[in-house]
Amino acid sequence: MNVLDRHEEIPGLKNEYLDKIKLVVNRHTDKVTLLALTKTEFNIIQDEFGNMLDITVTCEHIFNNKHLIVTAVVSRRQI
């Protein structure tokens, strides 16, 4: 059974991001890059997956008074 089978949908998080995160959590790949996250989406990812994943913001910007995470790299936490 995959770790994220129970996470079919997370309110406030795009399925595109969730699908990429599933790849990392379920060990199909070591890391993925997420593009154009809002600060809210970033916080949801940290809250839901922060204990399993390392999230590194590589570029961020304020656009139209909104905090935008331009790119973030999500990788499996090393034990």
N, C-alpha and C. Protein backbone atom coordinates (compact mmCIF):
# COMPACT_ATOMS: atom_id res chain seq x y z
N MET A 1 0.84 -1.19 0.00
CA MET A 1 0.00 0.00 0.00
C MET A 1 0.87 1.24 0.00
N ASN A 2 0.56 2.19 -0.83
CA ASN A 2 1.29 3.44 -0.88
C ASN A 2 0.94 4.31 0.32
N VAL A 3 1.90 5.08 0.78
CA VAL A 3 1.72 5.94 1.94
C VAL A 3 0.59 6.94 1.72
N LEU A 4 0.48 7.47 0.53
CA LEU A 4 -0.49 8.55 0.30
C LEU A 4 -1.80 8.09 -0.31
N ASP A 5 -2.10 6.83 -0.28
CA ASP A 5 -3.38 6.38 -0.80
C ASP A 5 -4.54 7.04 -0.08
N ARG A 6 -4.36 7.33 1.20
CA ARG A 6 -5.45 7.94 1.97
C ARG A 6 -5.61 9.43 1.68
N HIS A 7 -4.63 10.05 1.05
CA HIS A 7 -4.70 11.48 0.72
C HIS A 7 -5.19 11.66 -0.72
N GLU A 8 -6.43 11.43 -0.93
CA GLU A 8 -6.97 11.59 -2.28
C GLU A 8 -7.06 13.05 -2.68
N GLU A 9 -7.41 13.89 -1.73
CA GLU A 9 -7.53 15.32 -2.01
C GLU A 9 -7.26 16.08 -0.72
N ILE A 10 -6.55 17.20 -0.83
CA ILE A 10 -6.31 18.06 0.32
C ILE A 10 -6.85 19.44 -0.03
N PRO A 11 -7.83 19.92 0.71
CA PRO A 11 -8.42 21.23 0.41
C PRO A 11 -7.36 22.32 0.37
N GLY A 12 -7.39 23.13 -0.69
CA GLY A 12 -6.46 24.24 -0.84
C GLY A 12 -5.18 23.89 -1.57
N LEU A 13 -5.00 22.60 -1.91
CA LEU A 13 -3.79 22.17 -2.60
C LEU A 13 -4.16 21.59 -3.96
N LYS A 14 -3.53 22.11 -5.00
CA LYS A 14 -3.81 21.62 -6.36
C LYS A 14 -3.42 20.15 -6.49
N ASN A 15 -4.22 19.41 -7.22
CA ASN A 15 -3.93 17.99 -7.47
C ASN A 15 -2.58 17.81 -8.16
N GLU A 16 -2.20 18.76 -8.99
CA GLU A 16 -0.90 18.70 -9.67
C GLU A 16 0.24 18.61 -8.64
N TYR A 17 0.16 19.42 -7.59
CA TYR A 17 1.19 19.40 -6.55
C TYR A 17 1.11 18.11 -5.74
N LEU A 18 -0.10 17.70 -5.41
CA LEU A 18 -0.28 16.48 -4.63
C LEU A 18 0.26 15.27 -5.38
N ASP A 19 0.01 15.21 -6.68
CA ASP A 19 0.51 14.09 -7.49
C ASP A 19 2.04 14.03 -7.46
N LYS A 20 2.69 15.20 -7.55
CA LYS A 20 4.15 15.23 -7.50
C LYS A 20 4.67 14.84 -6.12
N ILE A 21 4.00 15.31 -5.09
CA ILE A 21 4.41 14.97 -3.72
C ILE A 21 4.27 13.48 -3.48
N LYS A 22 3.21 12.87 -4.00
CA LYS A 22 3.00 11.42 -3.87
C LYS A 22 4.19 10.65 -4.46
N LEU A 23 4.73 11.13 -5.58
CA LEU A 23 5.87 10.45 -6.19
C LEU A 23 7.06 10.38 -5.24
N VAL A 24 7.28 11.46 -4.50
CA VAL A 24 8.42 11.51 -3.57
C VAL A 24 8.13 10.66 -2.33
N VAL A 25 6.96 10.85 -1.74
CA VAL A 25 6.62 10.13 -0.51
C VAL A 25 6.58 8.63 -0.73
N ASN A 26 6.06 8.22 -1.87
CA ASN A 26 5.95 6.79 -2.18
C ASN A 26 7.21 6.23 -2.83
N ARG A 27 8.29 7.01 -2.82
CA ARG A 27 9.63 6.58 -3.25
C ARG A 27 9.73 6.23 -4.74
N HIS A 28 8.95 6.90 -5.57
CA HIS A 28 9.07 6.70 -7.02
C HIS A 28 10.15 7.61 -7.60
N THR A 29 10.47 8.68 -6.87
CA THR A 29 11.54 9.59 -7.26
C THR A 29 12.10 10.23 -5.99
N ASP A 30 13.30 10.79 -6.10
CA ASP A 30 13.93 11.38 -4.91
C ASP A 30 13.46 12.80 -4.63
N LYS A 31 13.18 13.56 -5.70
CA LYS A 31 12.74 14.95 -5.49
C LYS A 31 11.97 15.45 -6.71
N VAL A 32 11.15 16.46 -6.48
CA VAL A 32 10.39 17.10 -7.54
C VAL A 32 10.46 18.61 -7.33
N THR A 33 10.19 19.34 -8.39
CA THR A 33 10.13 20.80 -8.32
C THR A 33 8.69 21.23 -8.50
N LEU A 34 8.22 22.08 -7.61
CA LEU A 34 6.87 22.64 -7.70
C LEU A 34 7.01 24.09 -8.14
N LEU A 35 6.22 24.49 -9.11
CA LEU A 35 6.29 25.84 -9.66
C LEU A 35 5.06 26.65 -9.29
N ALA A 36 5.25 27.93 -9.01
CA ALA A 36 4.17 28.90 -8.80
C ALA A 36 3.22 28.54 -7.66
N LEU A 37 3.79 28.23 -6.51
CA LEU A 37 3.00 27.98 -5.31
C LEU A 37 2.61 29.29 -4.65
N THR A 38 1.43 29.36 -4.11
CA THR A 38 1.12 30.49 -3.24
C THR A 38 1.69 30.18 -1.86
N LYS A 39 1.80 31.19 -1.04
CA LYS A 39 2.29 30.99 0.32
C LYS A 39 1.35 30.05 1.08
N THR A 40 0.05 30.16 0.82
CA THR A 40 -0.93 29.28 1.46
C THR A 40 -0.69 27.82 1.08
N GLU A 41 -0.47 27.56 -0.22
CA GLU A 41 -0.20 26.19 -0.67
C GLU A 41 1.09 25.66 -0.05
N PHE A 42 2.09 26.50 0.02
CA PHE A 42 3.35 26.12 0.64
C PHE A 42 3.14 25.73 2.10
N ASN A 43 2.35 26.53 2.82
CA ASN A 43 2.07 26.24 4.22
C ASN A 43 1.30 24.93 4.39
N ILE A 44 0.36 24.66 3.47
CA ILE A 44 -0.38 23.39 3.52
C ILE A 44 0.58 22.22 3.36
N ILE A 45 1.49 22.32 2.41
CA ILE A 45 2.47 21.25 2.18
C ILE A 45 3.33 21.04 3.43
N GLN A 46 3.77 22.14 4.03
CA GLN A 46 4.56 22.02 5.25
C GLN A 46 3.77 21.36 6.37
N ASP A 47 2.51 21.78 6.53
CA ASP A 47 1.68 21.22 7.60
C ASP A 47 1.39 19.73 7.39
N GLU A 48 1.08 19.36 6.15
CA GLU A 48 0.68 17.98 5.86
C GLU A 48 1.86 17.01 5.74
N PHE A 49 2.99 17.51 5.20
CA PHE A 49 4.08 16.61 4.84
C PHE A 49 5.43 16.98 5.43
N GLY A 50 5.46 17.98 6.28
CA GLY A 50 6.73 18.48 6.83
C GLY A 50 7.54 17.44 7.59
N ASN A 51 6.85 16.44 8.16
CA ASN A 51 7.58 15.40 8.90
C ASN A 51 8.19 14.35 7.97
N MET A 52 7.76 14.30 6.71
CA MET A 52 8.25 13.31 5.76
C MET A 52 9.19 13.90 4.71
N LEU A 53 9.05 15.21 4.45
CA LEU A 53 9.74 15.83 3.32
C LEU A 53 10.55 17.04 3.74
N ASP A 54 11.61 17.29 2.99
CA ASP A 54 12.33 18.56 3.09
C ASP A 54 11.83 19.44 1.96
N ILE A 55 11.50 20.68 2.26
CA ILE A 55 11.01 21.61 1.25
C ILE A 55 11.96 22.79 1.21
N THR A 56 12.58 22.99 0.06
CA THR A 56 13.54 24.08 -0.11
C THR A 56 12.99 25.07 -1.12
N VAL A 57 12.80 26.31 -0.68
CA VAL A 57 12.35 27.36 -1.59
C VAL A 57 13.58 27.89 -2.31
N THR A 58 13.54 27.86 -3.64
CA THR A 58 14.69 28.31 -4.42
C THR A 58 14.49 29.69 -5.01
N CYS A 59 13.24 30.16 -5.07
CA CYS A 59 12.97 31.50 -5.59
C CYS A 59 11.58 31.92 -5.12
N GLU A 60 11.49 33.14 -4.59
CA GLU A 60 10.17 33.65 -4.19
C GLU A 60 10.05 35.11 -4.57
N HIS A 61 8.81 35.60 -4.64
CA HIS A 61 8.55 36.94 -5.16
C HIS A 61 7.21 37.44 -4.61
N ILE A 62 7.10 38.74 -4.44
CA ILE A 62 5.82 39.36 -4.11
C ILE A 62 5.23 39.89 -5.41
N PHE A 63 4.03 39.43 -5.77
CA PHE A 63 3.40 39.83 -7.03
C PHE A 63 1.95 40.21 -6.74
N ASN A 64 1.57 41.43 -7.10
CA ASN A 64 0.22 41.93 -6.83
C ASN A 64 -0.18 41.71 -5.36
N ASN A 65 0.75 42.06 -4.47
CA ASN A 65 0.55 41.95 -3.02
C ASN A 65 0.33 40.52 -2.54
N LYS A 66 0.70 39.53 -3.34
CA LYS A 66 0.62 38.14 -2.93
C LYS A 66 2.01 37.55 -2.90
N HIS A 67 2.29 36.80 -1.85
CA HIS A 67 3.57 36.12 -1.73
C HIS A 67 3.52 34.88 -2.60
N LEU A 68 4.41 34.80 -3.58
CA LEU A 68 4.44 33.67 -4.51
C LEU A 68 5.76 32.93 -4.37
N ILE A 69 5.67 31.65 -4.15
CA ILE A 69 6.86 30.80 -4.16
C ILE A 69 7.04 30.38 -5.62
N VAL A 70 8.04 30.93 -6.28
CA VAL A 70 8.21 30.67 -7.71
C VAL A 70 8.64 29.23 -7.94
N THR A 71 9.62 28.77 -7.19
CA THR A 71 10.01 27.36 -7.26
C THR A 71 10.33 26.83 -5.86
N ALA A 72 9.95 25.60 -5.64
CA ALA A 72 10.30 24.90 -4.40
C ALA A 72 10.64 23.47 -4.75
N VAL A 73 11.68 22.95 -4.14
CA VAL A 73 12.10 21.58 -4.36
C VAL A 73 11.68 20.75 -3.16
N VAL A 74 10.96 19.68 -3.43
CA VAL A 74 10.48 18.78 -2.39
C VAL A 74 11.26 17.47 -2.51
N SER A 75 11.87 17.05 -1.40
CA SER A 75 12.65 15.81 -1.42
C SER A 75 12.36 15.01 -0.16
N ARG A 76 12.65 13.71 -0.24
CA ARG A 76 12.45 12.84 0.92
C ARG A 76 13.41 13.24 2.02
N ARG A 77 12.92 13.27 3.21
CA ARG A 77 13.74 13.57 4.38
C ARG A 77 14.72 12.42 4.59
N GLN A 78 15.98 12.74 4.74
CA GLN A 78 17.00 11.72 4.98
C GLN A 78 17.00 11.31 6.45
N ILE A 79 17.02 10.03 6.70
CA ILE A 79 17.00 9.52 8.08
C ILE A 79 18.40 9.21 8.53
